[in-house]
Amino acid sequence: MKYKVHQYDISMTKDQNKLELFLNSLEGKIVAIIPNVTIKVMWIPQVDFLLIVEEIS
């Protein structure tokens, strides 16, 4: 099996439609979606980007 990892920069409050289009455009099977969570001002967590692991046939 071969895998490809995509990094997808995202703003969780406004990029839902773009993420949906990206995921639907992938050819292979999505194995995992891993968020990169950072702590911002006042201890507020924020997702900066997603790592999307795709299994390629």
N, C-alpha and C. Protein backbone atom coordinates (compact mmCIF):
# COMPACT_ATOMS: atom_id res chain seq x y z
N MET A 1 0.83 -1.18 0.00
CA MET A 1 0.00 0.00 0.00
C MET A 1 0.88 1.25 0.00
N LYS A 2 0.44 2.24 -0.73
CA LYS A 2 1.12 3.52 -0.74
C LYS A 2 0.19 4.57 -0.14
N TYR A 3 0.81 5.53 0.53
CA TYR A 3 0.05 6.59 1.18
C TYR A 3 0.57 7.94 0.74
N LYS A 4 -0.32 8.92 0.71
CA LYS A 4 0.06 10.29 0.42
C LYS A 4 -0.52 11.15 1.54
N VAL A 5 0.30 12.07 2.06
CA VAL A 5 -0.14 12.95 3.15
C VAL A 5 -0.29 14.36 2.59
N HIS A 6 -1.47 14.92 2.79
CA HIS A 6 -1.76 16.28 2.34
C HIS A 6 -1.83 17.19 3.57
N GLN A 7 -1.28 18.39 3.45
CA GLN A 7 -1.44 19.39 4.51
C GLN A 7 -2.46 20.41 4.01
N TYR A 8 -3.52 20.60 4.76
CA TYR A 8 -4.60 21.49 4.35
C TYR A 8 -4.74 22.60 5.38
N ASP A 9 -4.33 23.82 5.00
CA ASP A 9 -4.48 24.98 5.89
C ASP A 9 -5.96 25.33 5.99
N ILE A 10 -6.42 25.61 7.20
CA ILE A 10 -7.86 25.78 7.40
C ILE A 10 -8.16 26.78 8.49
N SER A 11 -9.27 27.47 8.30
CA SER A 11 -9.89 28.25 9.37
C SER A 11 -11.20 27.54 9.66
N MET A 12 -11.30 26.93 10.83
CA MET A 12 -12.43 26.05 11.14
C MET A 12 -13.78 26.75 11.07
N THR A 13 -13.81 28.06 11.21
CA THR A 13 -15.09 28.77 11.22
C THR A 13 -15.61 29.11 9.84
N LYS A 14 -14.74 29.08 8.80
CA LYS A 14 -15.23 29.52 7.49
C LYS A 14 -14.82 28.67 6.30
N ASP A 15 -14.08 27.59 6.49
CA ASP A 15 -13.59 26.80 5.36
C ASP A 15 -14.26 25.44 5.19
N GLN A 16 -15.44 25.26 5.74
CA GLN A 16 -16.11 23.96 5.66
C GLN A 16 -16.38 23.55 4.22
N ASN A 17 -16.87 24.45 3.39
CA ASN A 17 -17.18 24.11 2.00
C ASN A 17 -15.93 23.77 1.20
N LYS A 18 -14.85 24.52 1.43
CA LYS A 18 -13.58 24.25 0.73
C LYS A 18 -13.03 22.89 1.13
N LEU A 19 -13.13 22.54 2.42
CA LEU A 19 -12.66 21.24 2.89
C LEU A 19 -13.48 20.12 2.27
N GLU A 20 -14.78 20.31 2.19
CA GLU A 20 -15.65 19.30 1.58
C GLU A 20 -15.28 19.08 0.12
N LEU A 21 -15.06 20.14 -0.63
CA LEU A 21 -14.66 20.01 -2.03
C LEU A 21 -13.31 19.30 -2.16
N PHE A 22 -12.37 19.64 -1.29
CA PHE A 22 -11.05 19.00 -1.32
C PHE A 22 -11.15 17.51 -1.05
N LEU A 23 -11.89 17.13 -0.01
CA LEU A 23 -12.03 15.72 0.35
C LEU A 23 -12.72 14.93 -0.77
N ASN A 24 -13.72 15.52 -1.38
CA ASN A 24 -14.43 14.83 -2.47
C ASN A 24 -13.58 14.72 -3.73
N SER A 25 -12.56 15.56 -3.87
CA SER A 25 -11.71 15.51 -5.06
C SER A 25 -10.59 14.47 -4.96
N LEU A 26 -10.38 13.90 -3.78
CA LEU A 26 -9.32 12.91 -3.62
C LEU A 26 -9.69 11.62 -4.32
N GLU A 27 -8.71 10.99 -4.93
CA GLU A 27 -8.92 9.76 -5.69
C GLU A 27 -8.97 8.53 -4.79
N GLY A 28 -8.12 8.49 -3.78
CA GLY A 28 -7.98 7.30 -2.93
C GLY A 28 -8.90 7.33 -1.73
N LYS A 29 -8.64 6.40 -0.82
CA LYS A 29 -9.40 6.26 0.41
C LYS A 29 -8.75 7.10 1.51
N ILE A 30 -9.55 7.85 2.24
CA ILE A 30 -9.04 8.66 3.34
C ILE A 30 -8.86 7.76 4.56
N VAL A 31 -7.63 7.69 5.05
CA VAL A 31 -7.29 6.81 6.17
C VAL A 31 -7.40 7.57 7.49
N ALA A 32 -6.96 8.83 7.51
CA ALA A 32 -6.98 9.61 8.75
C ALA A 32 -7.00 11.10 8.45
N ILE A 33 -7.60 11.84 9.36
CA ILE A 33 -7.54 13.30 9.34
C ILE A 33 -7.03 13.72 10.71
N ILE A 34 -5.86 14.36 10.71
CA ILE A 34 -5.18 14.70 11.97
C ILE A 34 -5.11 16.23 12.09
N PRO A 35 -5.78 16.82 13.07
CA PRO A 35 -5.70 18.27 13.23
C PRO A 35 -4.44 18.68 13.99
N ASN A 36 -3.86 19.81 13.61
CA ASN A 36 -2.75 20.41 14.36
C ASN A 36 -3.36 21.51 15.23
N VAL A 37 -3.44 21.23 16.53
CA VAL A 37 -4.09 22.15 17.46
C VAL A 37 -3.01 22.92 18.21
N THR A 38 -3.13 24.24 18.22
CA THR A 38 -2.22 25.10 18.98
C THR A 38 -3.03 25.92 19.98
N ILE A 39 -2.35 26.37 21.01
CA ILE A 39 -2.99 27.20 22.03
C ILE A 39 -2.65 28.66 21.73
N LYS A 40 -3.67 29.46 21.59
CA LYS A 40 -3.49 30.88 21.30
C LYS A 40 -3.67 31.70 22.58
N VAL A 41 -3.90 32.97 22.41
CA VAL A 41 -4.06 33.91 23.52
C VAL A 41 -5.22 33.48 24.42
N MET A 42 -5.05 33.64 25.70
CA MET A 42 -6.08 33.31 26.69
C MET A 42 -6.40 31.82 26.73
N TRP A 43 -5.43 30.98 26.36
CA TRP A 43 -5.56 29.52 26.39
C TRP A 43 -6.69 29.00 25.50
N ILE A 44 -6.92 29.67 24.37
CA ILE A 44 -7.96 29.24 23.43
C ILE A 44 -7.32 28.34 22.38
N PRO A 45 -7.80 27.09 22.24
CA PRO A 45 -7.24 26.19 21.22
C PRO A 45 -7.70 26.60 19.82
N GLN A 46 -6.82 26.38 18.84
CA GLN A 46 -7.14 26.72 17.45
C GLN A 46 -6.50 25.67 16.54
N VAL A 47 -7.24 25.26 15.51
CA VAL A 47 -6.72 24.33 14.52
C VAL A 47 -6.09 25.14 13.40
N ASP A 48 -4.77 24.96 13.18
CA ASP A 48 -4.05 25.69 12.14
C ASP A 48 -4.15 25.00 10.79
N PHE A 49 -3.98 23.67 10.81
CA PHE A 49 -4.07 22.91 9.57
C PHE A 49 -4.43 21.47 9.87
N LEU A 50 -4.81 20.75 8.82
CA LEU A 50 -5.13 19.33 8.93
C LEU A 50 -4.13 18.54 8.11
N LEU A 51 -3.72 17.40 8.64
CA LEU A 51 -2.96 16.44 7.85
C LEU A 51 -3.96 15.36 7.43
N ILE A 52 -4.07 15.15 6.13
CA ILE A 52 -5.02 14.18 5.59
C ILE A 52 -4.23 13.06 4.94
N VAL A 53 -4.39 11.84 5.46
CA VAL A 53 -3.67 10.69 4.95
C VAL A 53 -4.58 9.96 3.97
N GLU A 54 -4.07 9.79 2.74
CA GLU A 54 -4.84 9.16 1.67
C GLU A 54 -4.13 7.87 1.26
N GLU A 55 -4.88 6.78 1.18
CA GLU A 55 -4.35 5.50 0.71
C GLU A 55 -4.51 5.45 -0.81
N ILE A 56 -3.40 5.22 -1.49
CA ILE A 56 -3.41 5.17 -2.96
C ILE A 56 -3.30 3.74 -3.41
N SER A 57 -4.15 3.32 -4.32
CA SER A 57 -4.13 1.92 -4.82
C SER A 57 -2.93 1.66 -5.68
